[in-house]
Amino acid sequence: MLETNIDDMNPEIYSYLIPLLFEKGALDVFLTNIIMKKNRPGVKISILSKEEEVQIFEDILFKQTTTLGIRKYKIQRETLDRQFIKVNTRFGIVTIKHALRDGKVLKYAPEYEECKIIAEEYDLPIKDVYQEILKTINKKL
């Protein structure tokens, strides 16, 4: 985990930085609003990465942000296995992500990007697309 606190950077830069970090292999990136010294609002940038890629993200943070320092620490991470299946819906074939533990499905959800395309194509609220796809999946279970 790499973290740095920023209180003096144009916030538009985050919309450039976050996709860049993911493109370079970050496992997760998130911003947290914080209050810094002198009661100034700031943003904590957190990057989860593989240990062998830490240097890449240090270089990006030093080059692309106003930070003068980065905190680093090792963390343990547990993840569920993932399985992607295709389901036929009234919108066509949609990918469903299954999250499994010990081979058992614990949860599932349609892929966001596919739902977004469907919502735009059918001029529907994305929440309605999710609900309809989930209804279709539940009938098949």
Protein backbone atom coordinates (compact mmCIF):
# COMPACT_ATOMS: atom_id res chain seq x y z
CA MET A 1 0.00 0.00 0.00
CA LEU A 2 1.34 3.39 -0.98
CA GLU A 3 -0.25 6.51 0.46
CA THR A 4 0.35 10.21 0.27
CA ASN A 5 -1.56 13.24 1.47
CA ILE A 6 -2.09 16.21 -0.86
CA ASP A 7 -3.47 19.64 0.02
CA ASP A 8 -2.03 21.86 -2.69
CA MET A 9 -2.89 20.29 -6.04
CA ASN A 10 -5.46 21.17 -8.68
CA PRO A 11 -8.20 18.55 -8.16
CA GLU A 12 -8.63 18.11 -11.93
CA ILE A 13 -5.33 16.22 -11.90
CA TYR A 14 -6.94 13.29 -10.05
CA SER A 15 -9.09 12.49 -13.09
CA TYR A 16 -5.85 12.10 -15.07
CA LEU A 17 -3.92 10.32 -12.31
CA ILE A 18 -6.37 7.57 -11.37
CA PRO A 19 -6.73 6.01 -14.86
CA LEU A 20 -2.95 6.28 -15.32
CA LEU A 21 -2.35 4.33 -12.11
CA PHE A 22 -4.77 1.60 -13.17
CA GLU A 23 -3.21 1.48 -16.63
CA LYS A 24 0.20 0.91 -15.02
CA GLY A 25 -1.14 -2.04 -13.04
CA ALA A 26 -2.51 -0.73 -9.75
CA LEU A 27 -4.77 -3.30 -8.11
CA ASP A 28 -6.83 -0.52 -6.51
CA VAL A 29 -6.72 3.25 -6.24
CA PHE A 30 -8.86 5.38 -3.98
CA LEU A 31 -9.04 8.91 -2.66
CA THR A 32 -10.05 9.82 0.87
CA ASN A 33 -10.98 13.33 2.01
CA ILE A 34 -8.92 14.28 5.05
CA ILE A 35 -8.17 17.29 7.23
CA MET A 36 -4.46 18.08 7.29
CA LYS A 37 -2.27 20.31 9.42
CA LYS A 38 -3.44 23.88 9.86
CA ASN A 39 -6.98 22.47 9.37
CA ARG A 40 -6.61 22.43 5.60
CA PRO A 41 -8.74 20.02 3.58
CA GLY A 42 -6.70 17.48 1.69
CA VAL A 43 -6.87 14.19 -0.16
CA LYS A 44 -5.15 10.94 0.76
CA ILE A 45 -4.21 8.97 -2.35
CA SER A 46 -4.03 5.22 -1.67
CA ILE A 47 -2.62 2.74 -4.17
CA LEU A 48 -2.70 -1.01 -3.75
CA SER A 49 -0.02 -2.66 -5.85
CA LYS A 50 2.08 -5.75 -6.22
CA GLU A 51 5.31 -5.48 -4.24
CA GLU A 52 7.46 -5.66 -7.37
CA GLU A 53 5.63 -2.65 -8.89
CA VAL A 54 6.01 -0.22 -5.97
CA GLN A 55 8.79 1.73 -7.72
CA ILE A 56 6.52 2.39 -10.72
CA PHE A 57 3.88 4.01 -8.52
CA GLU A 58 6.41 5.98 -6.48
CA ASP A 59 7.76 7.44 -9.72
CA ILE A 60 4.26 8.34 -10.93
CA LEU A 61 3.30 10.00 -7.63
CA PHE A 62 6.50 12.05 -7.47
CA LYS A 63 6.25 13.04 -11.13
CA GLN A 64 2.50 13.63 -11.51
CA THR A 65 1.52 15.11 -8.11
CA THR A 66 2.72 17.75 -5.67
CA THR A 67 3.69 15.20 -3.01
CA LEU A 68 7.01 15.40 -1.23
CA GLY A 69 6.71 12.00 0.46
CA ILE A 70 5.02 8.61 0.27
CA ARG A 71 4.18 6.13 3.01
CA LYS A 72 4.54 2.43 2.14
CA TYR A 73 3.51 -0.63 4.05
CA LYS A 74 2.82 -4.28 3.39
CA ILE A 75 -0.71 -5.56 3.75
CA GLN A 76 -2.40 -8.91 3.42
CA ARG A 77 -5.21 -9.27 0.94
CA GLU A 78 -7.86 -11.94 0.56
CA THR A 79 -9.97 -12.13 -2.56
CA LEU A 80 -12.77 -14.30 -3.78
CA ASP A 81 -12.26 -16.39 -6.90
CA ARG A 82 -14.04 -14.95 -9.92
CA GLN A 83 -15.83 -16.67 -12.75
CA PHE A 84 -17.45 -14.99 -15.73
CA ILE A 85 -20.46 -16.54 -17.42
CA LYS A 86 -22.62 -15.38 -20.29
CA VAL A 87 -26.37 -15.16 -19.80
CA ASN A 88 -29.00 -14.56 -22.46
CA THR A 89 -31.30 -11.66 -21.52
CA ARG A 90 -33.84 -9.56 -23.38
CA PHE A 91 -30.93 -7.19 -24.05
CA GLY A 92 -28.84 -9.98 -25.56
CA ILE A 93 -25.89 -11.83 -24.07
CA VAL A 94 -24.61 -10.22 -20.83
CA THR A 95 -21.56 -11.18 -18.79
CA ILE A 96 -22.20 -12.06 -15.17
CA LYS A 97 -19.37 -12.05 -12.65
CA HIS A 98 -19.63 -14.80 -10.03
CA ALA A 99 -17.62 -14.47 -6.82
CA LEU A 100 -16.76 -17.85 -5.33
CA ARG A 101 -15.22 -19.22 -2.16
CA ASP A 102 -14.31 -22.89 -1.97
CA GLY A 103 -16.09 -23.39 -5.30
CA LYS A 104 -19.43 -22.00 -4.07
CA VAL A 105 -20.99 -18.89 -5.56
CA LEU A 106 -21.39 -16.28 -2.81
CA LYS A 107 -22.53 -13.38 -4.97
CA TYR A 108 -22.95 -12.34 -8.56
CA ALA A 109 -23.52 -9.20 -10.61
CA PRO A 110 -23.76 -8.15 -14.23
CA GLU A 111 -20.71 -6.38 -15.63
CA TYR A 112 -21.02 -2.62 -15.24
CA GLU A 113 -19.65 -1.63 -18.66
CA GLU A 114 -22.14 -3.89 -20.43
CA CYS A 115 -25.02 -2.51 -18.35
CA LYS A 116 -23.89 1.03 -19.16
CA ILE A 117 -23.96 0.30 -22.90
CA ILE A 118 -27.40 -1.30 -22.62
CA ALA A 119 -28.74 1.65 -20.60
CA GLU A 120 -27.53 4.09 -23.26
CA GLU A 121 -28.73 1.95 -26.16
CA TYR A 122 -32.23 1.42 -24.71
CA ASP A 123 -32.43 4.86 -23.07
CA LEU A 124 -33.08 3.27 -19.66
CA PRO A 125 -31.82 4.11 -16.18
CA ILE A 126 -28.86 1.85 -15.44
CA LYS A 127 -30.51 0.73 -12.17
CA ASP A 128 -33.42 -0.65 -14.21
CA VAL A 129 -31.02 -2.55 -16.47
CA TYR A 130 -29.33 -4.11 -13.43
CA GLN A 131 -32.70 -5.07 -11.90
CA GLU A 132 -33.98 -6.67 -15.08
CA ILE A 133 -30.79 -8.64 -15.67
CA LEU A 134 -30.76 -9.81 -12.04
CA LYS A 135 -34.40 -10.93 -12.37
CA THR A 136 -33.44 -12.96 -15.44
CA ILE A 137 -30.51 -14.54 -13.60
CA ASN A 138 -32.60 -15.36 -10.54
CA LYS A 139 -35.16 -17.18 -12.71
CA LYS A 140 -32.37 -19.35 -14.11
CA LEU A 141 -30.98 -20.31 -10.69
